[in-house]
């Protein structure tokens, strides 16, 4: 059991007691225990989501010999957490994520309705001649891909593509015990067109 706890801790960064309980609930299966911990993290994160987060950190990241620069602001509830090493690493990882994946929005809810409508129209035009029964499913799949490309929290996490950024955020909230909000970011690239 101690080996399983060690493996689970390395994969999730959860505490020893939480790992023990998750392993007991899953009958010793590490993969099922990870699911148990993720569900607990989601429940914990949703409880904390309404709490005010006015502290935090602004992180910068410069990539490719000064060709790409990123600033990202992530908020938490206390200055104590803002100085926490796990929180600082998370914010740095987000800055690298923005540099690598070039999202436009923080979360799905930030995408203007007009942009979603325009994307839907483009997808529909591409699907002319396809069976009507399949069109709705195809549109849904392509919109999901659009959100993954455009929204930071929907993207595969740069350090573990099996997880989305929002999954890492949820696990950070569960681990740290405070509401954490990715507030905003800006990305500059030498030679890009100004909008």
Protein backbone atom coordinates (compact mmCIF):
# COMPACT_ATOMS: atom_id res chain seq x y z
CA UNK A 1 0.00 0.00 0.00
CA UNK A 2 2.88 2.40 0.74
CA UNK A 3 4.20 2.01 -2.81
CA UNK A 4 0.76 2.83 -4.19
CA UNK A 5 0.52 5.89 -1.92
CA UNK A 6 3.96 7.05 -3.12
CA UNK A 7 2.97 6.61 -6.78
CA UNK A 8 -0.34 8.40 -6.22
CA UNK A 9 1.35 11.29 -4.41
CA UNK A 10 3.87 11.70 -7.24
CA UNK A 11 1.10 11.78 -9.84
CA UNK A 12 -1.33 14.05 -7.99
CA UNK A 13 0.60 16.00 -5.31
CA UNK A 14 -2.24 15.10 -2.92
CA UNK A 15 -1.58 14.59 0.78
CA UNK A 16 -0.82 11.20 2.32
CA UNK A 17 -4.17 10.89 4.09
CA UNK A 18 -6.11 11.85 0.94
CA UNK A 19 -4.12 9.26 -1.06
CA UNK A 20 -4.80 6.57 1.57
CA UNK A 21 -8.54 7.28 1.53
CA UNK A 22 -8.67 7.36 -2.27
CA UNK A 23 -6.81 4.05 -2.50
CA UNK A 24 -9.16 2.48 0.05
CA UNK A 25 -12.18 3.76 -1.88
CA UNK A 26 -10.76 2.36 -5.14
CA UNK A 27 -9.69 -1.02 -3.76
CA UNK A 28 -5.99 -0.20 -4.20
CA UNK A 29 -6.23 0.70 -7.91
CA UNK A 30 -4.01 3.76 -8.51
CA UNK A 31 -5.83 4.89 -11.68
CA UNK A 32 -9.23 4.68 -9.98
CA UNK A 33 -7.78 6.45 -6.93
CA UNK A 34 -6.64 9.31 -9.22
CA UNK A 35 -10.24 9.63 -10.44
CA UNK A 36 -11.48 9.68 -6.82
CA UNK A 37 -9.01 12.47 -5.98
CA UNK A 38 -9.95 14.46 -9.10
CA UNK A 39 -13.66 14.23 -8.20
CA UNK A 40 -12.89 15.39 -4.66
CA UNK A 41 -10.82 18.23 -6.09
CA UNK A 42 -13.66 19.31 -8.36
CA UNK A 43 -16.10 19.28 -5.43
CA UNK A 44 -13.68 21.25 -3.25
CA UNK A 45 -12.91 23.73 -6.03
CA UNK A 46 -16.60 24.36 -6.70
CA UNK A 47 -17.15 25.15 -2.99
CA UNK A 48 -14.34 27.71 -3.09
CA UNK A 49 -15.21 29.24 -6.48
CA UNK A 50 -17.37 32.02 -5.05
CA UNK A 51 -14.76 33.27 -2.60
CA UNK A 52 -12.91 36.51 -3.25
CA UNK A 53 -9.40 36.25 -4.69
CA UNK A 54 -7.63 39.61 -4.56
CA UNK A 55 -4.05 38.56 -3.82
CA UNK A 56 -1.82 36.69 -6.23
CA UNK A 57 1.06 37.03 -8.60
CA UNK A 58 1.96 38.49 -11.96
CA UNK A 59 4.53 36.31 -13.69
CA UNK A 60 6.62 37.06 -16.76
CA UNK A 61 8.17 34.59 -19.16
CA UNK A 62 10.52 35.32 -22.05
CA UNK A 63 11.04 32.59 -24.64
CA UNK A 64 13.14 31.94 -27.75
CA UNK A 65 15.92 34.41 -27.17
CA UNK A 66 13.56 37.29 -26.49
CA UNK A 67 11.20 36.66 -29.43
CA UNK A 68 8.13 35.82 -27.29
CA UNK A 69 7.15 37.46 -24.00
CA UNK A 70 4.23 36.71 -21.69
CA UNK A 71 2.69 38.32 -18.62
CA UNK A 72 0.05 36.36 -16.70
CA UNK A 73 -1.95 37.35 -13.58
CA UNK A 74 -3.25 34.63 -11.28
CA UNK A 75 -5.18 35.55 -8.14
CA UNK A 76 -5.63 33.75 -4.83
CA UNK A 77 -7.22 34.64 -1.50
CA UNK A 78 -4.15 35.36 0.63
CA UNK A 79 -0.66 36.78 0.37
CA UNK A 80 0.55 33.62 2.15
CA UNK A 81 -0.56 31.45 -0.79
CA UNK A 82 0.84 33.95 -3.30
CA UNK A 83 4.28 33.27 -1.78
CA UNK A 84 3.75 29.47 -1.77
CA UNK A 85 6.20 27.58 -4.01
CA UNK A 86 3.48 25.37 -5.55
CA UNK A 87 1.42 28.45 -6.43
CA UNK A 88 4.44 30.22 -7.93
CA UNK A 89 5.32 27.14 -10.00
CA UNK A 90 1.73 26.94 -11.24
CA UNK A 91 1.78 30.59 -12.33
CA UNK A 92 5.14 30.11 -14.09
CA UNK A 93 3.77 27.03 -15.87
CA UNK A 94 0.78 29.08 -17.06
CA UNK A 95 3.10 31.74 -18.48
CA UNK A 96 4.99 29.03 -20.40
CA UNK A 97 1.64 27.58 -21.53
CA UNK A 98 0.59 30.95 -22.97
CA UNK A 99 3.95 31.31 -24.73
CA UNK A 100 3.71 27.83 -26.27
CA UNK A 101 0.00 27.53 -27.14
CA UNK A 102 -0.93 31.19 -27.80
CA UNK A 103 -4.50 31.18 -26.43
CA UNK A 104 -6.78 34.16 -27.01
CA UNK A 105 -9.10 33.89 -24.00
CA UNK A 106 -8.75 32.63 -20.44
CA UNK A 107 -11.91 30.51 -20.36
CA UNK A 108 -14.75 29.38 -22.59
CA UNK A 109 -17.14 31.92 -21.04
CA UNK A 110 -14.84 34.76 -22.22
CA UNK A 111 -15.33 33.92 -25.91
CA UNK A 112 -17.78 36.45 -27.40
CA UNK A 113 -21.03 34.95 -28.68
CA UNK A 114 -20.33 36.53 -32.07
CA UNK A 115 -17.03 34.59 -32.35
CA UNK A 116 -18.79 31.30 -31.51
CA UNK A 117 -21.54 32.07 -34.03
CA UNK A 118 -18.98 32.92 -36.74
CA UNK A 119 -17.04 29.71 -36.06
CA UNK A 120 -20.28 27.69 -36.22
CA UNK A 121 -21.14 29.25 -39.59
CA UNK A 122 -17.68 28.40 -40.96
CA UNK A 123 -18.03 24.81 -39.77
CA UNK A 124 -21.52 24.52 -41.32
CA UNK A 125 -20.17 25.79 -44.65
CA UNK A 126 -17.45 23.13 -44.55
CA UNK A 127 -20.05 20.42 -43.94
CA UNK A 128 -22.25 21.03 -46.99
CA UNK A 129 -23.31 17.71 -48.46
CA UNK A 130 -22.73 15.74 -45.24
CA UNK A 131 -25.62 13.69 -43.80
CA UNK A 132 -27.90 15.88 -41.66
CA UNK A 133 -27.83 13.37 -38.79
CA UNK A 134 -24.05 13.74 -38.40
CA UNK A 135 -23.82 17.53 -38.73
CA UNK A 136 -24.72 18.39 -35.11
CA UNK A 137 -22.13 15.95 -33.71
CA UNK A 138 -19.46 17.24 -36.09
CA UNK A 139 -20.23 20.86 -35.18
CA UNK A 140 -20.03 20.01 -31.47
CA UNK A 141 -16.66 18.28 -31.95
CA UNK A 142 -15.20 21.10 -34.03
CA UNK A 143 -16.42 23.74 -31.53
CA UNK A 144 -14.75 21.78 -28.73
CA UNK A 145 -11.51 21.86 -30.75
CA UNK A 146 -11.99 25.61 -31.34
CA UNK A 147 -12.32 26.19 -27.56
CA UNK A 148 -9.23 24.03 -26.92
CA UNK A 149 -7.23 26.21 -29.29
CA UNK A 150 -8.64 29.56 -28.17
CA UNK A 151 -9.06 29.18 -24.38
CA UNK A 152 -6.18 28.74 -21.94
CA UNK A 153 -8.15 26.64 -19.44
CA UNK A 154 -9.38 24.25 -22.17
CA UNK A 155 -5.90 23.52 -23.56
CA UNK A 156 -3.88 20.36 -22.88
CA UNK A 157 -1.43 21.17 -20.08
CA UNK A 158 2.09 21.78 -21.37
CA UNK A 159 3.69 19.40 -18.84
CA UNK A 160 1.07 16.61 -19.11
CA UNK A 161 -1.10 16.61 -22.22
CA UNK A 162 -3.46 14.01 -20.71
CA UNK A 163 -4.78 16.83 -18.46
CA UNK A 164 -6.29 20.17 -19.34
CA UNK A 165 -5.13 23.40 -17.73
CA UNK A 166 -8.48 23.62 -15.88
CA UNK A 167 -7.75 20.18 -14.32
CA UNK A 168 -4.42 21.46 -12.99
CA UNK A 169 -6.17 24.59 -11.68
CA UNK A 170 -8.77 22.43 -9.90
CA UNK A 171 -6.08 20.27 -8.30
CA UNK A 172 -4.23 23.41 -7.15
CA UNK A 173 -7.40 24.73 -5.49
CA UNK A 174 -7.88 21.36 -3.76
CA UNK A 175 -4.25 21.18 -2.68
CA UNK A 176 -3.82 24.77 -1.50
CA UNK A 177 -7.33 25.20 -0.09
CA UNK A 178 -8.03 28.63 -1.55
CA UNK A 179 -9.90 29.91 -4.57
CA UNK A 180 -7.49 30.51 -7.46
CA UNK A 181 -8.48 32.52 -10.52
CA UNK A 182 -6.54 32.92 -13.74
CA UNK A 183 -7.38 36.60 -14.23
CA UNK A 184 -5.69 37.61 -17.50
CA UNK A 185 -2.64 37.31 -19.70
CA UNK A 186 -0.92 39.09 -22.56
CA UNK A 187 1.47 37.58 -25.11
CA UNK A 188 3.86 39.47 -27.35
CA UNK A 189 5.77 38.04 -30.29
CA UNK A 190 8.35 39.94 -32.29
CA UNK A 191 7.05 40.77 -35.76
CA UNK A 192 3.41 39.87 -35.12
CA UNK A 193 0.71 42.06 -36.62
CA UNK A 194 -0.93 44.49 -34.25
CA UNK A 195 -4.70 44.19 -33.94
